[in-house]
Amino acid sequence: YTVRGVHGLILTDLDRFDEARATLQAGARIAEELGIRLHLSSYQVFLAFEAFAAGDWDEALADAQVGLELAEEVGETYTRVWCQSLRSLILVHRNDLRGARYAADTAVAELSGTGPRYRSHWAHWARALVLEADGQAGEAYTVMAECWDWCAGLDLTMDYRMLGPDLVRLALGGHDRERARAVAAAVTGLAERNQVP
């Protein structure tokens, strides 16, 4: 599980989407064959992330839904925050604000009961975008800045490219040019150190 799951996530972060999906599907197939249903929800959220990153949002929503159903079936809580966060991020961009709000609120509520986990801070990113869509740009900026600062404090630079553009936009909207410049510089620095498309 760990090797195939992490390998698939790394391939996704490298924009090698076909390889990532094949690796994750192989891992899920092996888990199914061995009767290890506990890991299937993790594979589904990893597949949802791959589809999200590749821009196949219909597939991402379908994978996230299956992941949530599998997690419920086996009583697994680890992946639910990320599944709901992915759903919210997609739905807010599709102007389904009610669905996006529900998914973000569910993710944040789940997170408050369990504490941080892998990419669980995406719940706050999703929440910020929902707040912005609801006309609460100032509060959205505060939530997004806190999410960025949390990542920066833990040196979680891999998500700078995801969080940065929205934070820069919100910072400029709130006339915080210093923050916008600092975030843009951090994202640029990350891009210069990596050869990912």
C-alpha atoms as a PDB file:
ATOM      1  CA  TYR A   1       0.000   0.000   0.000  1.00  0.00           C
ATOM      2  CA  THR A   2       2.532   2.570   1.092  1.00  0.00           C
ATOM      3  CA  VAL A   3       4.867   2.083  -1.865  1.00  0.00           C
ATOM      4  CA  ARG A   4       2.180   2.169  -4.576  1.00  0.00           C
ATOM      5  CA  GLY A   5       0.186   4.925  -2.926  1.00  0.00           C
ATOM      6  CA  VAL A   6       3.160   7.217  -2.382  1.00  0.00           C
ATOM      7  CA  HIS A   7       4.566   6.376  -5.828  1.00  0.00           C
ATOM      8  CA  GLY A   8       1.257   7.360  -7.411  1.00  0.00           C
ATOM      9  CA  LEU A   9       1.170  10.642  -5.486  1.00  0.00           C
ATOM     10  CA  ILE A  10       4.735  11.463  -6.508  1.00  0.00           C
ATOM     11  CA  LEU A  11       3.954  10.733 -10.165  1.00  0.00           C
ATOM     12  CA  THR A  12       0.897  12.992  -9.897  1.00  0.00           C
ATOM     13  CA  ASP A  13       2.992  15.802  -8.423  1.00  0.00           C
ATOM     14  CA  LEU A  14       5.380  15.352 -11.372  1.00  0.00           C
ATOM     15  CA  ASP A  15       2.451  15.716 -13.825  1.00  0.00           C
ATOM     16  CA  ARG A  16       2.971  12.131 -15.025  1.00  0.00           C
ATOM     17  CA  PHE A  17      -0.747  11.488 -14.853  1.00  0.00           C
ATOM     18  CA  ASP A  18      -1.110   8.312 -16.936  1.00  0.00           C
ATOM     19  CA  GLU A  19       1.637   6.585 -14.953  1.00  0.00           C
ATOM     20  CA  ALA A  20       0.164   7.828 -11.684  1.00  0.00           C
ATOM     21  CA  ARG A  21      -3.319   6.518 -12.477  1.00  0.00           C
ATOM     22  CA  ALA A  22      -1.957   3.145 -13.612  1.00  0.00           C
ATOM     23  CA  THR A  23       0.142   2.823 -10.438  1.00  0.00           C
ATOM     24  CA  LEU A  24      -2.755   3.736  -8.164  1.00  0.00           C
ATOM     25  CA  GLN A  25      -5.187   1.456  -9.976  1.00  0.00           C
ATOM     26  CA  ALA A  26      -2.701  -1.415  -9.695  1.00  0.00           C
ATOM     27  CA  GLY A  27      -2.371  -0.776  -5.963  1.00  0.00           C
ATOM     28  CA  ALA A  28      -6.145  -0.723  -5.508  1.00  0.00           C
ATOM     29  CA  ARG A  29      -6.479  -3.937  -7.518  1.00  0.00           C
ATOM     30  CA  ILE A  30      -3.868  -5.694  -5.362  1.00  0.00           C
ATOM     31  CA  ALA A  31      -5.558  -4.476  -2.158  1.00  0.00           C
ATOM     32  CA  GLU A  32      -8.883  -5.780  -3.462  1.00  0.00           C
ATOM     33  CA  GLU A  33      -7.364  -9.138  -4.421  1.00  0.00           C
ATOM     34  CA  LEU A  34      -5.783  -9.486  -0.980  1.00  0.00           C
ATOM     35  CA  GLY A  35      -8.994  -8.487   0.756  1.00  0.00           C
ATOM     36  CA  ILE A  36      -7.463  -5.360   2.314  1.00  0.00           C
ATOM     37  CA  ARG A  37     -10.536  -3.140   1.971  1.00  0.00           C
ATOM     38  CA  LEU A  38      -9.265  -0.639   4.547  1.00  0.00           C
ATOM     39  CA  HIS A  39      -6.808   0.792   1.996  1.00  0.00           C
ATOM     40  CA  LEU A  40      -9.290   1.134  -0.856  1.00  0.00           C
ATOM     41  CA  SER A  41     -10.639   4.502   0.309  1.00  0.00           C
ATOM     42  CA  SER A  42      -7.090   5.887   0.375  1.00  0.00           C
ATOM     43  CA  TYR A  43      -6.490   4.703  -3.173  1.00  0.00           C
ATOM     44  CA  GLN A  44      -9.748   6.321  -4.261  1.00  0.00           C
ATOM     45  CA  VAL A  45      -8.813   9.719  -2.817  1.00  0.00           C
ATOM     46  CA  PHE A  46      -5.365   9.418  -4.425  1.00  0.00           C
ATOM     47  CA  LEU A  47      -7.100   8.672  -7.740  1.00  0.00           C
ATOM     48  CA  ALA A  48      -9.400  11.653  -7.144  1.00  0.00           C
ATOM     49  CA  PHE A  49      -6.358  13.869  -6.593  1.00  0.00           C
ATOM     50  CA  GLU A  50      -4.725  12.587  -9.789  1.00  0.00           C
ATOM     51  CA  ALA A  51      -7.889  13.338 -11.784  1.00  0.00           C
ATOM     52  CA  PHE A  52      -8.204  16.757 -10.095  1.00  0.00           C
ATOM     53  CA  ALA A  53      -4.599  17.661 -10.951  1.00  0.00           C
ATOM     54  CA  ALA A  54      -5.025  16.383 -14.519  1.00  0.00           C
ATOM     55  CA  GLY A  55      -8.155  18.499 -14.974  1.00  0.00           C
ATOM     56  CA  ASP A  56     -10.572  15.567 -15.271  1.00  0.00           C
ATOM     57  CA  TRP A  57     -12.943  16.915 -12.665  1.00  0.00           C
ATOM     58  CA  ASP A  58     -15.874  14.615 -13.490  1.00  0.00           C
ATOM     59  CA  GLU A  59     -13.592  11.646 -12.788  1.00  0.00           C
ATOM     60  CA  ALA A  60     -12.251  13.358  -9.646  1.00  0.00           C
ATOM     61  CA  LEU A  61     -15.767  13.828  -8.266  1.00  0.00           C
ATOM     62  CA  ALA A  62     -16.651  10.214  -9.040  1.00  0.00           C
ATOM     63  CA  ASP A  63     -13.453   8.897  -7.406  1.00  0.00           C
ATOM     64  CA  ALA A  64     -13.971  11.102  -4.348  1.00  0.00           C
ATOM     65  CA  GLN A  65     -17.553   9.869  -3.956  1.00  0.00           C
ATOM     66  CA  VAL A  66     -16.433   6.233  -4.141  1.00  0.00           C
ATOM     67  CA  GLY A  67     -13.685   7.037  -1.624  1.00  0.00           C
ATOM     68  CA  LEU A  68     -16.211   8.505   0.801  1.00  0.00           C
ATOM     69  CA  GLU A  69     -18.496   5.503   0.427  1.00  0.00           C
ATOM     70  CA  LEU A  70     -15.629   3.051   0.998  1.00  0.00           C
ATOM     71  CA  ALA A  71     -14.426   5.023   4.024  1.00  0.00           C
ATOM     72  CA  GLU A  72     -17.921   4.896   5.496  1.00  0.00           C
ATOM     73  CA  GLU A  73     -18.197   1.170   4.784  1.00  0.00           C
ATOM     74  CA  VAL A  74     -14.989   0.238   6.624  1.00  0.00           C
ATOM     75  CA  GLY A  75     -15.064   2.992   9.254  1.00  0.00           C
ATOM     76  CA  GLU A  76     -11.933   4.699   7.932  1.00  0.00           C
ATOM     77  CA  THR A  77     -11.687   8.432   8.734  1.00  0.00           C
ATOM     78  CA  TYR A  78      -8.256   9.377   7.417  1.00  0.00           C
ATOM     79  CA  THR A  79      -9.201  10.252   3.826  1.00  0.00           C
ATOM     80  CA  ARG A  80     -12.561  11.936   4.366  1.00  0.00           C
ATOM     81  CA  VAL A  81     -11.177  15.444   4.851  1.00  0.00           C
ATOM     82  CA  TRP A  82      -9.208  15.369   1.602  1.00  0.00           C
ATOM     83  CA  CYS A  83     -12.126  13.797  -0.327  1.00  0.00           C
ATOM     84  CA  GLN A  84     -14.503  16.529   0.823  1.00  0.00           C
ATOM     85  CA  SER A  85     -11.916  19.239   0.183  1.00  0.00           C
ATOM     86  CA  LEU A  86     -11.412  18.064  -3.401  1.00  0.00           C
ATOM     87  CA  ARG A  87     -15.172  17.966  -3.917  1.00  0.00           C
ATOM     88  CA  SER A  88     -15.545  21.509  -2.566  1.00  0.00           C
ATOM     89  CA  LEU A  89     -12.730  22.915  -4.721  1.00  0.00           C
ATOM     90  CA  ILE A  90     -14.308  21.488  -7.866  1.00  0.00           C
ATOM     91  CA  LEU A  91     -17.866  22.463  -6.970  1.00  0.00           C
ATOM     92  CA  VAL A  92     -16.988  26.066  -6.143  1.00  0.00           C
ATOM     93  CA  HIS A  93     -15.373  26.421  -9.578  1.00  0.00           C
ATOM     94  CA  ARG A  94     -18.502  24.938 -11.133  1.00  0.00           C
ATOM     95  CA  ASN A  95     -20.648  27.497  -9.294  1.00  0.00           C
ATOM     96  CA  ASP A  96     -22.381  24.847  -7.175  1.00  0.00           C
ATOM     97  CA  LEU A  97     -21.966  26.960  -4.068  1.00  0.00           C
ATOM     98  CA  ARG A  98     -24.376  24.974  -1.924  1.00  0.00           C
ATOM     99  CA  GLY A  99     -22.522  21.724  -2.669  1.00  0.00           C
ATOM    100  CA  ALA A 100     -19.132  23.414  -2.258  1.00  0.00           C
ATOM    101  CA  ARG A 101     -20.138  24.945   1.064  1.00  0.00           C
ATOM    102  CA  TYR A 102     -21.461  21.632   2.392  1.00  0.00           C
ATOM    103  CA  ALA A 103     -18.288  19.757   1.368  1.00  0.00           C
ATOM    104  CA  ALA A 104     -15.983  22.447   2.835  1.00  0.00           C
ATOM    105  CA  ASP A 105     -17.958  22.648   6.087  1.00  0.00           C
ATOM    106  CA  THR A 106     -17.935  18.849   6.364  1.00  0.00           C
ATOM    107  CA  ALA A 107     -14.172  18.742   5.792  1.00  0.00           C
ATOM    108  CA  VAL A 108     -13.469  21.471   8.357  1.00  0.00           C
ATOM    109  CA  ALA A 109     -15.772  19.804  10.919  1.00  0.00           C
ATOM    110  CA  GLU A 110     -14.088  16.429  10.383  1.00  0.00           C
ATOM    111  CA  LEU A 111     -10.670  18.050  10.728  1.00  0.00           C
ATOM    112  CA  SER A 112     -11.578  19.823  13.967  1.00  0.00           C
ATOM    113  CA  GLY A 113     -12.391  16.455  15.524  1.00  0.00           C
ATOM    114  CA  THR A 114      -9.230  14.661  14.470  1.00  0.00           C
ATOM    115  CA  GLY A 115      -6.389  17.100  13.868  1.00  0.00           C
ATOM    116  CA  PRO A 116      -4.083  17.537  10.856  1.00  0.00           C
ATOM    117  CA  ARG A 117      -3.379  14.780   8.371  1.00  0.00           C
ATOM    118  CA  TYR A 118      -2.026  14.536   4.816  1.00  0.00           C
ATOM    119  CA  ARG A 119      -3.191  17.590   2.845  1.00  0.00           C
ATOM    120  CA  SER A 120      -5.969  18.214   5.326  1.00  0.00           C
ATOM    121  CA  HIS A 121      -5.186  21.931   5.116  1.00  0.00           C
ATOM    122  CA  TRP A 122      -6.963  21.829   1.741  1.00  0.00           C
ATOM    123  CA  ALA A 123     -10.175  22.038   3.798  1.00  0.00           C
ATOM    124  CA  HIS A 124      -9.206  25.618   4.661  1.00  0.00           C
ATOM    125  CA  TRP A 125      -8.290  26.399   1.050  1.00  0.00           C
ATOM    126  CA  ALA A 126     -11.735  25.166  -0.021  1.00  0.00           C
ATOM    127  CA  ARG A 127     -13.386  27.090   2.815  1.00  0.00           C
ATOM    128  CA  ALA A 128     -11.625  30.297   1.735  1.00  0.00           C
ATOM    129  CA  LEU A 129     -12.878  29.965  -1.841  1.00  0.00           C
ATOM    130  CA  VAL A 130     -16.431  29.359  -0.624  1.00  0.00           C
ATOM    131  CA  LEU A 131     -16.218  32.440   1.608  1.00  0.00           C
ATOM    132  CA  GLU A 132     -14.991  34.489  -1.337  1.00  0.00           C
ATOM    133  CA  ALA A 133     -17.813  33.209  -3.548  1.00  0.00           C
ATOM    134  CA  ASP A 134     -20.236  34.190  -0.771  1.00  0.00           C
ATOM    135  CA  GLY A 135     -18.930  37.776  -0.921  1.00  0.00           C
ATOM    136  CA  GLN A 136     -16.778  37.559   2.216  1.00  0.00           C
ATOM    137  CA  ALA A 137     -13.437  38.380   0.596  1.00  0.00           C
ATOM    138  CA  GLY A 138     -11.834  39.712   3.783  1.00  0.00           C
ATOM    139  CA  GLU A 139     -12.595  36.574   5.757  1.00  0.00           C
ATOM    140  CA  ALA A 140     -11.568  34.438   2.768  1.00  0.00           C
ATOM    141  CA  TYR A 141      -8.206  36.202   2.693  1.00  0.00           C
ATOM    142  CA  THR A 142      -7.698  35.633   6.431  1.00  0.00           C
ATOM    143  CA  VAL A 143      -8.441  31.892   6.143  1.00  0.00           C
ATOM    144  CA  MET A 144      -6.229  31.542   3.059  1.00  0.00           C
ATOM    145  CA  ALA A 145      -3.336  33.450   4.666  1.00  0.00           C
ATOM    146  CA  GLU A 146      -3.548  31.288   7.799  1.00  0.00           C
ATOM    147  CA  CYS A 147      -3.521  28.161   5.636  1.00  0.00           C
ATOM    148  CA  TRP A 148      -0.426  29.408   3.786  1.00  0.00           C
ATOM    149  CA  ASP A 149       1.317  30.388   7.020  1.00  0.00           C
ATOM    150  CA  TRP A 150       0.618  26.950   8.509  1.00  0.00           C
ATOM    151  CA  CYS A 151       2.177  25.293   5.447  1.00  0.00           C
ATOM    152  CA  ALA A 152       5.131  27.680   5.489  1.00  0.00           C
ATOM    153  CA  GLY A 153       5.686  27.059   9.186  1.00  0.00           C
ATOM    154  CA  LEU A 154       5.931  23.324   8.521  1.00  0.00           C
ATOM    155  CA  ASP A 155       7.900  23.823   5.268  1.00  0.00           C
ATOM    156  CA  LEU A 156       5.146  22.151   3.221  1.00  0.00           C
ATOM    157  CA  THR A 157       6.321  23.811   0.036  1.00  0.00           C
ATOM    158  CA  MET A 158       4.785  21.208  -2.278  1.00  0.00           C
ATOM    159  CA  ASP A 159       1.409  22.911  -1.973  1.00  0.00           C
ATOM    160  CA  TYR A 160       2.673  26.426  -2.665  1.00  0.00           C
ATOM    161  CA  ARG A 161       1.815  26.025  -6.342  1.00  0.00           C
ATOM    162  CA  MET A 162      -1.750  25.089  -5.447  1.00  0.00           C
ATOM    163  CA  LEU A 163      -2.421  27.655  -2.728  1.00  0.00           C
ATOM    164  CA  GLY A 164      -0.294  30.509  -4.056  1.00  0.00           C
ATOM    165  CA  PRO A 165      -2.390  31.781  -6.966  1.00  0.00           C
ATOM    166  CA  ASP A 166      -5.555  32.108  -4.886  1.00  0.00           C
ATOM    167  CA  LEU A 167      -3.705  33.742  -2.003  1.00  0.00           C
ATOM    168  CA  VAL A 168      -2.000  36.255  -4.313  1.00  0.00           C
ATOM    169  CA  ARG A 169      -5.361  37.136  -5.882  1.00  0.00           C
ATOM    170  CA  LEU A 170      -7.018  37.547  -2.475  1.00  0.00           C
ATOM    171  CA  ALA A 171      -4.064  39.547  -1.142  1.00  0.00           C
ATOM    172  CA  LEU A 172      -4.192  41.941  -4.070  1.00  0.00           C
ATOM    173  CA  GLY A 173      -7.956  42.282  -3.637  1.00  0.00           C
ATOM    174  CA  GLY A 174      -7.342  43.217  -0.013  1.00  0.00           C
ATOM    175  CA  HIS A 175      -4.514  45.631  -0.948  1.00  0.00           C
ATOM    176  CA  ASP A 176      -1.851  43.545   0.779  1.00  0.00           C
ATOM    177  CA  ARG A 177       0.816  43.879  -1.906  1.00  0.00           C
ATOM    178  CA  GLU A 178       3.608  42.831   0.450  1.00  0.00           C
ATOM    179  CA  ARG A 179       1.949  39.455   1.067  1.00  0.00           C
ATOM    180  CA  ALA A 180       1.211  39.041  -2.657  1.00  0.00           C
ATOM    181  CA  ARG A 181       4.867  39.698  -3.542  1.00  0.00           C
ATOM    182  CA  ALA A 182       6.161  37.295  -0.881  1.00  0.00           C
ATOM    183  CA  VAL A 183       3.833  34.481  -1.978  1.00  0.00           C
ATOM    184  CA  ALA A 184       4.602  35.038  -5.662  1.00  0.00           C
ATOM    185  CA  ALA A 185       8.325  34.909  -4.869  1.00  0.00           C
ATOM    186  CA  ALA A 186       7.896  31.654  -2.916  1.00  0.00           C
ATOM    187  CA  VAL A 187       5.985  30.036  -5.791  1.00  0.00           C
ATOM    188  CA  THR A 188       8.535  31.296  -8.321  1.00  0.00           C
ATOM    189  CA  GLY A 189      11.381  29.952  -6.193  1.00  0.00           C
ATOM    190  CA  LEU A 190       9.686  26.572  -6.024  1.00  0.00           C
ATOM    191  CA  ALA A 191       9.221  26.536  -9.806  1.00  0.00           C
ATOM    192  CA  GLU A 192      12.879  27.423 -10.393  1.00  0.00           C
ATOM    193  CA  ARG A 193      14.011  24.464  -8.246  1.00  0.00           C
ATOM    194  CA  ASN A 194      11.825  21.932 -10.078  1.00  0.00           C
ATOM    195  CA  GLN A 195      11.306  20.861 -13.669  1.00  0.00           C
ATOM    196  CA  VAL A 196       7.588  20.096 -13.495  1.00  0.00           C
ATOM    197  CA  PRO A 197       5.469  21.401 -16.388  1.00  0.00           C
END
